[in-house]
């Protein structure tokens, strides 16, 4: 098994290549909004260092959102292009689930409410608990909510960029951000069970249907 995992939904960029048991390559570019310039060179570097080609991949995993509108779109587009070129299956992973996985990997948290700043006084939110395979699994639905409504659905310790927005007292883990390492961890288990889709189903999830209209309102015109 060889998996390529991509993460650009959080306005930064990371790439991971893993096999059944270990990480073969990882690179992170933490500069905001640099995904367009960095994602393809980072993938090429990963292939060069591991001597792996797209055709040899078991699957390509990507953070399908919710998250930065442009970041989610870039991730889906690059994944589709690579997958189509060699008929490689795709594993879409929730950005919120990946964030929860980060909280477990870095902080040992086994039950979290993952929350991302969605701009316009709203957050993306969902809760997760660790399962027997070491994967954070959803215990409710992903939602886009205003701050007060989001506060009503918090189940566990808050993590992510939206944590301090809905509870000023729970900001300890607001700096956590999902990376391709966590996408890969989740995708490895999915790949073992052949839980994947074809390239045309590598679709982004925005949760905000008219996101394209609101980009100027987010200060991203």
N, C-alpha and C. Protein backbone atom coordinates (compact mmCIF):
# COMPACT_ATOMS: atom_id res chain seq x y z
N UNK A 1 0.83 -1.19 0.00
CA UNK A 1 0.00 0.00 0.00
C UNK A 1 0.87 1.25 0.00
N UNK A 2 0.53 2.19 -0.87
CA UNK A 2 1.20 3.49 -0.90
C UNK A 2 0.13 4.56 -1.08
N UNK A 3 0.08 5.50 -0.14
CA UNK A 3 -0.93 6.55 -0.15
C UNK A 3 -0.28 7.92 -0.24
N UNK A 4 -0.86 8.78 -1.05
CA UNK A 4 -0.50 10.18 -1.09
C UNK A 4 -1.62 10.95 -0.41
N UNK A 5 -1.29 11.78 0.57
CA UNK A 5 -2.28 12.58 1.29
C UNK A 5 -1.98 14.06 1.12
N UNK A 6 -3.03 14.84 0.84
CA UNK A 6 -2.89 16.26 0.57
C UNK A 6 -3.79 17.06 1.51
N UNK A 7 -3.26 18.18 2.02
CA UNK A 7 -4.05 19.05 2.88
C UNK A 7 -3.78 20.51 2.51
N UNK A 8 -4.80 21.17 1.98
CA UNK A 8 -4.68 22.61 1.69
C UNK A 8 -5.90 23.37 2.19
N UNK A 9 -6.81 22.72 2.90
CA UNK A 9 -8.08 23.34 3.27
C UNK A 9 -7.95 24.37 4.38
N UNK A 10 -6.80 24.41 5.06
CA UNK A 10 -6.63 25.32 6.19
C UNK A 10 -5.73 26.51 5.86
N UNK A 11 -5.69 26.89 4.59
CA UNK A 11 -4.90 28.04 4.15
C UNK A 11 -3.40 27.83 4.32
N UNK A 12 -2.99 26.57 4.50
CA UNK A 12 -1.59 26.20 4.43
C UNK A 12 -1.53 24.93 3.59
N UNK A 13 -0.36 24.38 3.45
CA UNK A 13 -0.21 23.26 2.52
C UNK A 13 0.69 22.20 3.12
N UNK A 14 0.25 20.94 3.04
CA UNK A 14 1.11 19.84 3.48
C UNK A 14 0.85 18.61 2.63
N UNK A 15 1.89 17.80 2.49
CA UNK A 15 1.86 16.59 1.68
C UNK A 15 2.49 15.45 2.47
N UNK A 16 1.86 14.28 2.44
CA UNK A 16 2.40 13.11 3.11
C UNK A 16 2.30 11.90 2.19
N UNK A 17 3.30 11.05 2.25
CA UNK A 17 3.25 9.77 1.55
C UNK A 17 3.53 8.69 2.59
N UNK A 18 2.66 7.69 2.66
CA UNK A 18 2.79 6.64 3.65
C UNK A 18 2.62 5.27 3.00
N UNK A 19 3.11 4.24 3.70
CA UNK A 19 2.78 2.87 3.30
C UNK A 19 1.96 2.25 4.42
N UNK A 20 1.93 0.94 4.53
CA UNK A 20 1.08 0.27 5.51
C UNK A 20 1.42 0.63 6.95
N UNK A 21 2.69 0.92 7.20
CA UNK A 21 3.13 1.03 8.59
C UNK A 21 3.84 2.33 8.94
N UNK A 22 4.32 3.08 7.95
CA UNK A 22 5.15 4.23 8.29
C UNK A 22 4.97 5.38 7.32
N UNK A 23 5.42 6.54 7.78
CA UNK A 23 5.42 7.72 6.93
C UNK A 23 6.71 7.75 6.13
N UNK A 24 6.58 7.87 4.82
CA UNK A 24 7.73 7.88 3.94
C UNK A 24 8.18 9.29 3.59
N UNK A 25 7.24 10.24 3.64
CA UNK A 25 7.56 11.63 3.28
C UNK A 25 6.53 12.54 3.92
N UNK A 26 6.99 13.68 4.41
CA UNK A 26 6.08 14.71 4.89
C UNK A 26 6.73 16.06 4.71
N UNK A 27 5.94 17.01 4.22
CA UNK A 27 6.42 18.38 4.11
C UNK A 27 5.26 19.33 4.35
N UNK A 28 5.54 20.40 5.08
CA UNK A 28 4.54 21.39 5.42
C UNK A 28 5.03 22.77 5.03
N UNK A 29 4.17 23.53 4.35
CA UNK A 29 4.42 24.94 4.09
C UNK A 29 3.34 25.72 4.83
N UNK A 30 3.73 26.37 5.91
CA UNK A 30 2.77 27.03 6.79
C UNK A 30 2.40 28.44 6.34
N UNK A 31 2.94 28.90 5.25
CA UNK A 31 2.59 30.23 4.77
C UNK A 31 1.13 30.26 4.33
N UNK A 32 0.41 31.27 4.77
CA UNK A 32 -1.01 31.37 4.44
C UNK A 32 -1.20 31.60 2.95
N UNK A 33 -2.15 30.88 2.37
CA UNK A 33 -2.60 31.09 1.00
C UNK A 33 -1.52 30.86 -0.05
N UNK A 34 -0.56 29.99 0.26
CA UNK A 34 0.50 29.71 -0.71
C UNK A 34 0.27 28.37 -1.42
N UNK A 35 -0.94 27.79 -1.22
CA UNK A 35 -1.16 26.43 -1.72
C UNK A 35 -0.99 26.31 -3.24
N UNK A 36 -1.48 27.30 -3.97
CA UNK A 36 -1.44 27.23 -5.43
C UNK A 36 -0.01 27.10 -5.94
N UNK A 37 0.91 27.81 -5.29
CA UNK A 37 2.31 27.79 -5.74
C UNK A 37 3.08 26.59 -5.22
N UNK A 38 2.65 26.02 -4.09
CA UNK A 38 3.50 25.02 -3.42
C UNK A 38 3.02 23.58 -3.55
N UNK A 39 1.73 23.34 -3.78
CA UNK A 39 1.22 21.98 -3.69
C UNK A 39 1.87 21.05 -4.72
N UNK A 40 1.95 21.47 -5.97
CA UNK A 40 2.51 20.57 -6.99
C UNK A 40 4.02 20.35 -6.80
N UNK A 41 4.82 21.38 -6.53
CA UNK A 41 6.24 21.12 -6.25
C UNK A 41 6.47 20.21 -5.05
N UNK A 42 5.63 20.34 -4.04
CA UNK A 42 5.77 19.47 -2.87
C UNK A 42 5.45 18.03 -3.21
N UNK A 43 4.43 17.81 -4.03
CA UNK A 43 4.10 16.45 -4.46
C UNK A 43 5.25 15.87 -5.27
N UNK A 44 5.79 16.66 -6.19
CA UNK A 44 6.91 16.21 -7.01
C UNK A 44 8.12 15.86 -6.14
N UNK A 45 8.37 16.68 -5.13
CA UNK A 45 9.49 16.39 -4.24
C UNK A 45 9.26 15.09 -3.48
N UNK A 46 8.02 14.87 -3.04
CA UNK A 46 7.69 13.63 -2.35
C UNK A 46 7.91 12.41 -3.22
N UNK A 47 7.49 12.50 -4.47
CA UNK A 47 7.70 11.39 -5.40
C UNK A 47 9.18 11.16 -5.65
N UNK A 48 9.93 12.24 -5.76
CA UNK A 48 11.36 12.11 -6.04
C UNK A 48 12.10 11.46 -4.87
N UNK A 49 11.75 11.89 -3.65
CA UNK A 49 12.45 11.36 -2.48
C UNK A 49 12.08 9.92 -2.16
N UNK A 50 10.86 9.52 -2.49
CA UNK A 50 10.42 8.16 -2.19
C UNK A 50 10.55 7.22 -3.38
N UNK A 51 10.85 7.79 -4.54
CA UNK A 51 10.94 6.99 -5.78
C UNK A 51 9.61 6.30 -6.08
N UNK A 52 8.53 7.02 -5.80
CA UNK A 52 7.18 6.52 -6.06
C UNK A 52 6.53 7.41 -7.12
N UNK A 53 5.77 6.82 -8.02
CA UNK A 53 5.05 7.58 -9.04
C UNK A 53 3.56 7.52 -8.78
N UNK A 54 2.82 8.37 -9.45
CA UNK A 54 1.36 8.38 -9.29
C UNK A 54 0.77 7.02 -9.62
N UNK A 55 1.29 6.38 -10.64
CA UNK A 55 0.74 5.09 -11.08
C UNK A 55 0.90 4.00 -10.02
N UNK A 56 1.84 4.16 -9.11
CA UNK A 56 2.08 3.16 -8.07
C UNK A 56 1.23 3.36 -6.83
N UNK A 57 0.48 4.45 -6.77
CA UNK A 57 -0.31 4.76 -5.58
C UNK A 57 -1.52 3.83 -5.44
N UNK A 58 -1.79 3.42 -4.23
CA UNK A 58 -3.01 2.66 -3.94
C UNK A 58 -4.20 3.59 -3.97
N UNK A 59 -4.03 4.80 -3.45
CA UNK A 59 -5.09 5.80 -3.43
C UNK A 59 -4.49 7.16 -3.13
N UNK A 60 -5.27 8.20 -3.41
CA UNK A 60 -4.92 9.57 -3.05
C UNK A 60 -5.96 10.07 -2.07
N UNK A 61 -5.51 10.55 -0.93
CA UNK A 61 -6.42 11.07 0.09
C UNK A 61 -6.29 12.60 0.14
N UNK A 62 -7.40 13.26 0.40
CA UNK A 62 -7.36 14.73 0.47
C UNK A 62 -8.38 15.25 1.46
N UNK A 63 -8.09 16.39 2.05
CA UNK A 63 -9.05 17.03 2.94
C UNK A 63 -10.11 17.71 2.07
N UNK A 64 -11.33 17.21 2.15
CA UNK A 64 -12.38 17.66 1.24
C UNK A 64 -13.19 18.82 1.81
N UNK A 65 -12.76 19.35 2.95
CA UNK A 65 -13.48 20.44 3.57
C UNK A 65 -14.30 19.93 4.74
N UNK A 66 -14.95 20.82 5.44
CA UNK A 66 -15.04 22.26 5.19
C UNK A 66 -13.74 22.98 5.57
N UNK A 67 -13.63 24.19 5.05
CA UNK A 67 -12.44 24.97 5.32
C UNK A 67 -12.39 26.18 4.42
N UNK A 68 -11.20 26.68 4.18
CA UNK A 68 -11.02 27.81 3.27
C UNK A 68 -11.59 27.44 1.90
N UNK A 69 -12.44 28.30 1.36
CA UNK A 69 -13.09 28.00 0.07
C UNK A 69 -12.06 27.72 -1.01
N UNK A 70 -11.08 28.61 -1.15
CA UNK A 70 -10.07 28.41 -2.20
C UNK A 70 -9.20 27.21 -1.89
N UNK A 71 -8.86 27.01 -0.61
CA UNK A 71 -8.02 25.87 -0.24
C UNK A 71 -8.68 24.54 -0.51
N UNK A 72 -9.97 24.43 -0.19
CA UNK A 72 -10.71 23.20 -0.45
C UNK A 72 -10.80 22.94 -1.95
N UNK A 73 -11.04 23.99 -2.70
CA UNK A 73 -11.17 23.85 -4.15
C UNK A 73 -9.85 23.39 -4.77
N UNK A 74 -8.74 23.97 -4.33
CA UNK A 74 -7.42 23.58 -4.84
C UNK A 74 -7.15 22.11 -4.54
N UNK A 75 -7.44 21.69 -3.32
CA UNK A 75 -7.17 20.32 -2.91
C UNK A 75 -7.95 19.32 -3.77
N UNK A 76 -9.22 19.60 -3.98
CA UNK A 76 -10.06 18.71 -4.78
C UNK A 76 -9.59 18.68 -6.24
N UNK A 77 -9.24 19.84 -6.77
CA UNK A 77 -8.83 19.91 -8.18
C UNK A 77 -7.54 19.14 -8.43
N UNK A 78 -6.56 19.32 -7.55
CA UNK A 78 -5.27 18.62 -7.71
C UNK A 78 -5.48 17.12 -7.55
N UNK A 79 -6.28 16.73 -6.58
CA UNK A 79 -6.55 15.31 -6.36
C UNK A 79 -7.21 14.69 -7.57
N UNK A 80 -8.23 15.37 -8.10
CA UNK A 80 -8.92 14.85 -9.28
C UNK A 80 -7.97 14.70 -10.46
N UNK A 81 -7.14 15.69 -10.68
CA UNK A 81 -6.22 15.65 -11.82
C UNK A 81 -5.25 14.48 -11.71
N UNK A 82 -4.67 14.29 -10.54
CA UNK A 82 -3.75 13.17 -10.34
C UNK A 82 -4.45 11.83 -10.45
N UNK A 83 -5.62 11.74 -9.85
CA UNK A 83 -6.35 10.46 -9.85
C UNK A 83 -6.81 10.09 -11.25
N UNK A 84 -7.32 11.05 -11.99
CA UNK A 84 -7.77 10.79 -13.35
C UNK A 84 -6.62 10.35 -14.24
N UNK A 85 -5.45 10.93 -14.04
CA UNK A 85 -4.34 10.67 -14.95
C UNK A 85 -3.90 9.21 -14.94
N UNK A 86 -4.11 8.51 -13.81
CA UNK A 86 -3.68 7.12 -13.72
C UNK A 86 -4.75 6.21 -13.13
N UNK A 87 -6.00 6.67 -13.15
CA UNK A 87 -7.12 5.87 -12.66
C UNK A 87 -6.88 5.36 -11.25
N UNK A 88 -6.47 6.29 -10.37
CA UNK A 88 -6.20 5.97 -8.97
C UNK A 88 -7.43 6.33 -8.13
N UNK A 89 -7.87 5.46 -7.24
CA UNK A 89 -9.02 5.80 -6.40
C UNK A 89 -8.70 6.91 -5.41
N UNK A 90 -9.75 7.51 -4.86
CA UNK A 90 -9.63 8.69 -4.02
C UNK A 90 -10.31 8.46 -2.68
N UNK A 91 -9.71 8.99 -1.62
CA UNK A 91 -10.29 8.91 -0.28
C UNK A 91 -10.51 10.33 0.24
N UNK A 92 -11.75 10.84 0.19
CA UNK A 92 -12.03 12.16 0.75
C UNK A 92 -12.10 12.06 2.27
N UNK A 93 -11.43 12.99 2.96
CA UNK A 93 -11.41 13.00 4.42
C UNK A 93 -11.90 14.36 4.91
N UNK A 94 -12.78 14.35 5.87
CA UNK A 94 -13.27 15.60 6.46
C UNK A 94 -12.14 16.37 7.12
N UNK A 95 -12.09 17.66 6.86
CA UNK A 95 -11.08 18.50 7.50
C UNK A 95 -11.29 18.54 9.01
N UNK A 96 -12.54 18.49 9.45
CA UNK A 96 -12.83 18.48 10.88
C UNK A 96 -12.37 17.17 11.52
N UNK A 97 -12.57 16.06 10.81
CA UNK A 97 -12.09 14.79 11.33
C UNK A 97 -10.57 14.79 11.42
N UNK A 98 -9.91 15.33 10.41
CA UNK A 98 -8.45 15.41 10.43
C UNK A 98 -7.96 16.28 11.59
N UNK A 99 -8.69 17.36 11.86
CA UNK A 99 -8.35 18.21 13.00
C UNK A 99 -8.48 17.43 14.31
N UNK A 100 -9.53 16.66 14.42
CA UNK A 100 -9.71 15.81 15.62
C UNK A 100 -8.57 14.81 15.74
N UNK A 101 -8.14 14.25 14.61
CA UNK A 101 -7.02 13.30 14.61
C UNK A 101 -5.73 13.99 15.04
N UNK A 102 -5.55 15.23 14.64
CA UNK A 102 -4.40 16.02 15.09
C UNK A 102 -4.40 16.16 16.60
N UNK A 103 -5.57 16.43 17.16
CA UNK A 103 -5.69 16.61 18.61
C UNK A 103 -5.29 15.34 19.35
N UNK A 104 -5.62 14.20 18.77
CA UNK A 104 -5.21 12.93 19.38
C UNK A 104 -3.71 12.71 19.21
N UNK A 105 -3.20 12.97 18.01
CA UNK A 105 -1.78 12.73 17.73
C UNK A 105 -0.87 13.63 18.57
N UNK A 106 -1.21 14.89 18.69
CA UNK A 106 -0.33 15.84 19.36
C UNK A 106 -0.61 16.01 20.85
N UNK A 107 -1.87 15.87 21.24
CA UNK A 107 -2.25 16.16 22.62
C UNK A 107 -2.83 14.96 23.37
N UNK A 108 -3.04 13.84 22.67
CA UNK A 108 -3.58 12.66 23.31
C UNK A 108 -5.04 12.76 23.67
N UNK A 109 -5.75 13.73 23.09
CA UNK A 109 -7.18 13.89 23.37
C UNK A 109 -7.97 12.82 22.64
N UNK A 110 -8.89 12.16 23.33
CA UNK A 110 -9.65 11.06 22.72
C UNK A 110 -11.10 11.41 22.46
N UNK A 111 -11.52 12.59 22.85
CA UNK A 111 -12.88 13.07 22.58
C UNK A 111 -12.81 14.58 22.43
N UNK A 112 -13.13 15.09 21.25
CA UNK A 112 -13.01 16.53 21.00
C UNK A 112 -14.19 17.03 20.17
N UNK A 113 -14.44 18.31 20.32
CA UNK A 113 -15.32 19.02 19.40
C UNK A 113 -14.43 19.90 18.54
N UNK A 114 -14.33 19.53 17.27
CA UNK A 114 -13.46 20.25 16.33
C UNK A 114 -14.23 21.43 15.75
N UNK A 115 -13.60 22.58 15.77
CA UNK A 115 -14.30 23.79 15.32
C UNK A 115 -13.33 24.68 14.55
N UNK A 116 -13.74 25.09 13.36
CA UNK A 116 -12.93 25.94 12.49
C UNK A 116 -13.64 27.26 12.25
N UNK A 117 -12.86 28.33 12.25
CA UNK A 117 -13.39 29.65 11.95
C UNK A 117 -13.89 29.66 10.50
N UNK A 118 -15.17 29.95 10.30
CA UNK A 118 -15.75 29.99 8.95
C UNK A 118 -15.98 31.42 8.47
N UNK A 119 -15.49 32.40 9.23
CA UNK A 119 -15.68 33.81 8.93
C UNK A 119 -17.16 34.19 9.11
N UNK A 120 -17.45 35.48 8.97
CA UNK A 120 -18.82 36.00 9.05
C UNK A 120 -19.55 35.56 10.31
N UNK A 121 -18.82 35.51 11.43
CA UNK A 121 -19.40 35.15 12.73
C UNK A 121 -20.00 33.74 12.74
N UNK A 122 -19.37 32.85 11.99
CA UNK A 122 -19.82 31.45 11.94
C UNK A 122 -18.62 30.52 12.08
N UNK A 123 -18.91 29.27 12.45
CA UNK A 123 -17.87 28.24 12.56
C UNK A 123 -18.37 26.94 11.95
N UNK A 124 -17.41 26.13 11.51
CA UNK A 124 -17.69 24.74 11.14
C UNK A 124 -17.44 23.91 12.39
N UNK A 125 -18.33 22.98 12.69
CA UNK A 125 -18.19 22.27 13.96
C UNK A 125 -18.71 20.84 13.87
N UNK A 126 -18.04 19.92 14.55
CA UNK A 126 -18.48 18.53 14.69
C UNK A 126 -17.67 17.90 15.81
N UNK A 127 -18.21 16.84 16.42
CA UNK A 127 -17.54 16.19 17.55
C UNK A 127 -17.09 14.78 17.17
N UNK A 128 -16.00 14.35 17.81
CA UNK A 128 -15.36 13.08 17.46
C UNK A 128 -14.87 12.36 18.71
N UNK A 129 -14.88 11.02 18.62
CA UNK A 129 -14.32 10.18 19.68
C UNK A 129 -13.41 9.13 19.05
N UNK A 130 -12.39 8.73 19.79
CA UNK A 130 -11.44 7.74 19.30
C UNK A 130 -12.06 6.35 19.29
N UNK A 131 -11.84 5.61 18.18
CA UNK A 131 -12.33 4.24 18.12
C UNK A 131 -11.20 3.25 18.39
N UNK A 132 -11.49 1.98 18.30
CA UNK A 132 -10.51 0.94 18.65
C UNK A 132 -9.33 0.91 17.69
N UNK A 133 -9.49 1.46 16.50
CA UNK A 133 -8.40 1.49 15.52
C UNK A 133 -7.53 2.74 15.65
N UNK A 134 -7.80 3.56 16.64
CA UNK A 134 -7.02 4.77 16.82
C UNK A 134 -7.41 5.90 15.90
N UNK A 135 -8.66 5.86 15.40
CA UNK A 135 -9.16 6.87 14.49
C UNK A 135 -10.28 7.66 15.16
N UNK A 136 -10.25 8.96 15.03
CA UNK A 136 -11.31 9.81 15.57
C UNK A 136 -12.52 9.75 14.64
N UNK A 137 -13.63 9.25 15.17
CA UNK A 137 -14.84 9.07 14.37
C UNK A 137 -15.93 10.03 14.83
N UNK A 138 -16.72 10.52 13.87
CA UNK A 138 -17.76 11.50 14.16
C UNK A 138 -18.86 10.90 15.03
N UNK A 139 -19.34 11.70 15.97
CA UNK A 139 -20.48 11.30 16.80
C UNK A 139 -21.69 12.19 16.52
N UNK A 140 -21.52 13.17 15.62
CA UNK A 140 -22.65 13.98 15.17
C UNK A 140 -22.33 14.52 13.77
N UNK A 141 -23.17 15.38 13.25
CA UNK A 141 -23.02 15.88 11.89
C UNK A 141 -22.17 17.14 11.84
N UNK A 142 -21.45 17.31 10.74
CA UNK A 142 -20.77 18.58 10.50
C UNK A 142 -21.82 19.67 10.29
N UNK A 143 -21.57 20.82 10.89
CA UNK A 143 -22.53 21.92 10.76
C UNK A 143 -21.80 23.25 10.59
N UNK A 144 -22.50 24.18 9.96
CA UNK A 144 -22.07 25.57 9.87
C UNK A 144 -23.03 26.37 10.74
N UNK A 145 -22.52 26.95 11.85
CA UNK A 145 -23.39 27.60 12.82
C UNK A 145 -22.80 28.94 13.27
N UNK A 146 -23.69 29.83 13.72
CA UNK A 146 -23.19 31.05 14.34
C UNK A 146 -22.65 30.70 15.72
N UNK A 147 -21.96 31.63 16.33
CA UNK A 147 -21.26 31.35 17.58
C UNK A 147 -22.18 30.84 18.68
N UNK A 148 -23.33 31.49 18.85
CA UNK A 148 -24.21 31.10 19.95
C UNK A 148 -24.83 29.73 19.72
N UNK A 149 -25.21 29.42 18.48
CA UNK A 149 -25.78 28.10 18.19
C UNK A 149 -24.70 27.02 18.32
N UNK A 150 -23.48 27.36 17.91
CA UNK A 150 -22.38 26.39 18.02
C UNK A 150 -22.11 26.04 19.48
N UNK A 151 -22.22 27.02 20.35
CA UNK A 151 -21.96 26.78 21.77
C UNK A 151 -22.93 25.76 22.35
N UNK A 152 -24.10 25.65 21.75
CA UNK A 152 -25.11 24.72 22.25
C UNK A 152 -24.86 23.27 21.85
N UNK A 153 -23.99 23.04 20.87
CA UNK A 153 -23.76 21.67 20.40
C UNK A 153 -22.38 21.14 20.80
N UNK A 154 -21.64 21.92 21.58
CA UNK A 154 -20.33 21.48 22.04
C UNK A 154 -20.49 20.28 22.97
N UNK A 155 -19.78 19.19 22.67
CA UNK A 155 -19.86 17.97 23.49
C UNK A 155 -18.60 17.76 24.33
N UNK A 156 -17.43 18.08 23.74
CA UNK A 156 -16.17 17.73 24.37
C UNK A 156 -15.22 18.93 24.39
N UNK A 157 -13.97 18.67 24.66
CA UNK A 157 -12.94 19.69 24.64
C UNK A 157 -12.88 20.33 23.25
N UNK A 158 -12.90 21.66 23.21
CA UNK A 158 -12.84 22.37 21.94
C UNK A 158 -11.41 22.41 21.41
N UNK A 159 -11.27 22.17 20.09
CA UNK A 159 -9.97 22.28 19.43
C UNK A 159 -10.17 22.97 18.09
N UNK A 160 -9.17 23.70 17.67
CA UNK A 160 -9.21 24.32 16.35
C UNK A 160 -9.33 25.83 16.38
N UNK A 161 -9.27 26.43 15.22
CA UNK A 161 -9.21 27.89 15.09
C UNK A 161 -10.47 28.59 15.57
N UNK A 162 -11.58 27.87 15.68
CA UNK A 162 -12.82 28.49 16.12
C UNK A 162 -13.08 28.33 17.61
N UNK A 163 -12.18 27.66 18.33
CA UNK A 163 -12.41 27.36 19.74
C UNK A 163 -12.66 28.61 20.56
N UNK A 164 -11.80 29.60 20.41
CA UNK A 164 -11.93 30.82 21.20
C UNK A 164 -13.08 31.70 20.78
N UNK A 165 -13.66 31.42 19.62
CA UNK A 165 -14.77 32.23 19.13
C UNK A 165 -16.08 31.88 19.81
N UNK A 166 -16.23 30.62 20.21
CA UNK A 166 -17.50 30.21 20.82
C UNK A 166 -17.38 30.00 22.32
N UNK A 167 -16.15 29.95 22.82
CA UNK A 167 -15.96 29.86 24.27
C UNK A 167 -14.60 30.46 24.61
N UNK A 168 -14.62 31.68 25.13
CA UNK A 168 -13.37 32.39 25.40
C UNK A 168 -12.50 31.68 26.44
N UNK A 169 -13.11 30.81 27.23
CA UNK A 169 -12.35 30.15 28.29
C UNK A 169 -11.66 28.87 27.79
N UNK A 170 -12.05 28.37 26.61
CA UNK A 170 -11.48 27.13 26.09
C UNK A 170 -10.66 27.42 24.84
N UNK A 171 -9.52 28.04 25.05
CA UNK A 171 -8.68 28.42 23.91
C UNK A 171 -7.34 27.70 23.91
N UNK A 172 -7.19 26.73 24.81
CA UNK A 172 -5.89 26.05 24.94
C UNK A 172 -5.46 25.38 23.64
N UNK A 173 -6.42 24.85 22.90
CA UNK A 173 -6.07 24.09 21.70
C UNK A 173 -6.52 24.79 20.42
N UNK A 174 -6.65 26.11 20.47
CA UNK A 174 -7.11 26.82 19.27
C UNK A 174 -6.05 26.85 18.18
N UNK A 175 -4.78 26.61 18.56
CA UNK A 175 -3.72 26.65 17.57
C UNK A 175 -3.53 25.37 16.78
N UNK A 176 -4.27 24.32 17.13
CA UNK A 176 -4.13 23.05 16.41
C UNK A 176 -4.70 23.19 15.00
N UNK A 177 -4.02 22.56 14.05
CA UNK A 177 -4.45 22.60 12.66
C UNK A 177 -4.15 21.26 12.00
N UNK A 178 -5.08 20.76 11.23
CA UNK A 178 -4.91 19.47 10.57
C UNK A 178 -3.79 19.53 9.55
N UNK A 179 -3.11 18.41 9.35
CA UNK A 179 -2.08 18.32 8.33
C UNK A 179 -2.28 17.04 7.52
N UNK A 180 -1.50 16.92 6.47
CA UNK A 180 -1.57 15.73 5.62
C UNK A 180 -1.22 14.46 6.39
N UNK A 181 -0.46 14.60 7.48
CA UNK A 181 -0.14 13.43 8.31
C UNK A 181 -1.43 12.80 8.86
N UNK A 182 -2.35 13.65 9.28
CA UNK A 182 -3.59 13.14 9.86
C UNK A 182 -4.55 12.64 8.79
N UNK A 183 -4.54 13.30 7.62
CA UNK A 183 -5.30 12.78 6.48
C UNK A 183 -4.81 11.37 6.15
N UNK A 184 -3.50 11.18 6.14
CA UNK A 184 -2.91 9.88 5.81
C UNK A 184 -3.28 8.82 6.83
N UNK A 185 -3.26 9.18 8.10
CA UNK A 185 -3.60 8.21 9.16
C UNK A 185 -5.02 7.69 8.99
N UNK A 186 -5.95 8.60 8.74
CA UNK A 186 -7.34 8.21 8.54
C UNK A 186 -7.49 7.41 7.25
N UNK A 187 -6.82 7.87 6.20
CA UNK A 187 -6.95 7.22 4.89
C UNK A 187 -6.36 5.82 4.87
N UNK A 188 -5.32 5.59 5.65
CA UNK A 188 -4.70 4.26 5.68
C UNK A 188 -5.73 3.20 6.11
N UNK A 189 -6.51 3.51 7.11
CA UNK A 189 -7.53 2.56 7.58
C UNK A 189 -8.62 2.39 6.51
N UNK A 190 -9.00 3.49 5.87
CA UNK A 190 -10.00 3.40 4.80
C UNK A 190 -9.49 2.54 3.64
N UNK A 191 -8.22 2.72 3.29
CA UNK A 191 -7.65 1.97 2.18
C UNK A 191 -7.58 0.48 2.48
N UNK A 192 -7.29 0.13 3.73
CA UNK A 192 -7.25 -1.28 4.10
C UNK A 192 -8.60 -1.95 3.89
N UNK A 193 -9.67 -1.17 3.98
CA UNK A 193 -11.02 -1.68 3.79
C UNK A 193 -11.57 -1.33 2.41
N UNK A 194 -10.71 -0.78 1.55
CA UNK A 194 -11.08 -0.35 0.20
C UNK A 194 -12.27 0.61 0.21
N UNK A 195 -12.26 1.49 1.19
CA UNK A 195 -13.30 2.52 1.28
C UNK A 195 -12.82 3.76 0.53
N UNK A 196 -13.03 3.75 -0.77
CA UNK A 196 -12.61 4.87 -1.59
C UNK A 196 -13.61 5.11 -2.71
N UNK A 197 -13.40 6.17 -3.47
CA UNK A 197 -14.30 6.51 -4.56
C UNK A 197 -13.47 6.79 -5.81
N UNK A 198 -14.15 6.94 -6.93
CA UNK A 198 -13.45 7.27 -8.18
C UNK A 198 -13.15 8.75 -8.23
N UNK A 199 -12.30 9.15 -9.16
CA UNK A 199 -11.83 10.54 -9.23
C UNK A 199 -12.96 11.54 -9.35
N UNK A 200 -13.98 11.21 -10.14
CA UNK A 200 -15.06 12.18 -10.33
C UNK A 200 -15.88 12.43 -9.06
N UNK A 201 -15.69 11.57 -8.07
CA UNK A 201 -16.39 11.75 -6.80
C UNK A 201 -15.51 12.41 -5.74
N UNK A 202 -14.37 12.90 -6.17
CA UNK A 202 -13.48 13.65 -5.27
C UNK A 202 -13.98 15.08 -5.18
N UNK A 203 -15.09 15.26 -4.51
CA UNK A 203 -15.79 16.54 -4.51
C UNK A 203 -15.55 17.31 -3.21
N UNK A 204 -15.42 18.62 -3.32
CA UNK A 204 -15.24 19.44 -2.11
C UNK A 204 -16.53 19.55 -1.33
N UNK A 205 -16.40 19.76 -0.03
CA UNK A 205 -17.54 20.00 0.84
C UNK A 205 -17.34 21.37 1.48
N UNK A 206 -18.25 22.30 1.16
CA UNK A 206 -18.11 23.66 1.66
C UNK A 206 -19.00 23.94 2.87
N UNK A 207 -20.14 23.26 2.96
CA UNK A 207 -21.19 23.50 3.95
C UNK A 207 -21.91 24.83 3.73
N UNK A 208 -21.25 25.78 3.10
CA UNK A 208 -21.88 27.06 2.76
C UNK A 208 -22.11 27.06 1.26
N UNK A 209 -23.38 26.90 0.86
CA UNK A 209 -23.70 26.70 -0.55
C UNK A 209 -23.31 27.88 -1.43
N UNK A 210 -23.44 29.08 -0.90
CA UNK A 210 -23.14 30.26 -1.72
C UNK A 210 -21.82 30.89 -1.31
N UNK A 211 -20.83 30.03 -1.01
CA UNK A 211 -19.53 30.53 -0.54
C UNK A 211 -18.90 31.50 -1.52
N UNK A 212 -19.08 31.24 -2.81
CA UNK A 212 -18.42 32.08 -3.81
C UNK A 212 -18.92 33.51 -3.75
N UNK A 213 -20.15 33.72 -3.33
CA UNK A 213 -20.70 35.07 -3.24
C UNK A 213 -20.15 35.83 -2.05
N UNK A 214 -19.68 35.09 -1.06
CA UNK A 214 -19.34 35.72 0.20
C UNK A 214 -17.84 35.94 0.39
N UNK A 215 -17.04 35.54 -0.58
CA UNK A 215 -15.60 35.71 -0.43
C UNK A 215 -15.23 37.18 -0.16
N UNK A 216 -15.79 38.16 -0.89
CA UNK A 216 -15.45 39.55 -0.58
C UNK A 216 -15.80 39.93 0.86
N UNK A 217 -16.89 39.36 1.37
CA UNK A 217 -17.29 39.66 2.74
C UNK A 217 -16.29 39.08 3.74
N UNK A 218 -15.51 38.08 3.30
CA UNK A 218 -14.53 37.48 4.18
C UNK A 218 -13.19 38.19 4.11
N UNK A 219 -13.13 39.26 3.34
CA UNK A 219 -11.87 39.96 3.19
C UNK A 219 -10.92 39.24 2.26
N UNK A 220 -11.47 38.44 1.33
CA UNK A 220 -10.63 37.64 0.43
C UNK A 220 -10.91 38.00 -1.03
N UNK A 221 -11.38 39.19 -1.27
CA UNK A 221 -11.72 39.55 -2.64
C UNK A 221 -10.49 39.58 -3.52
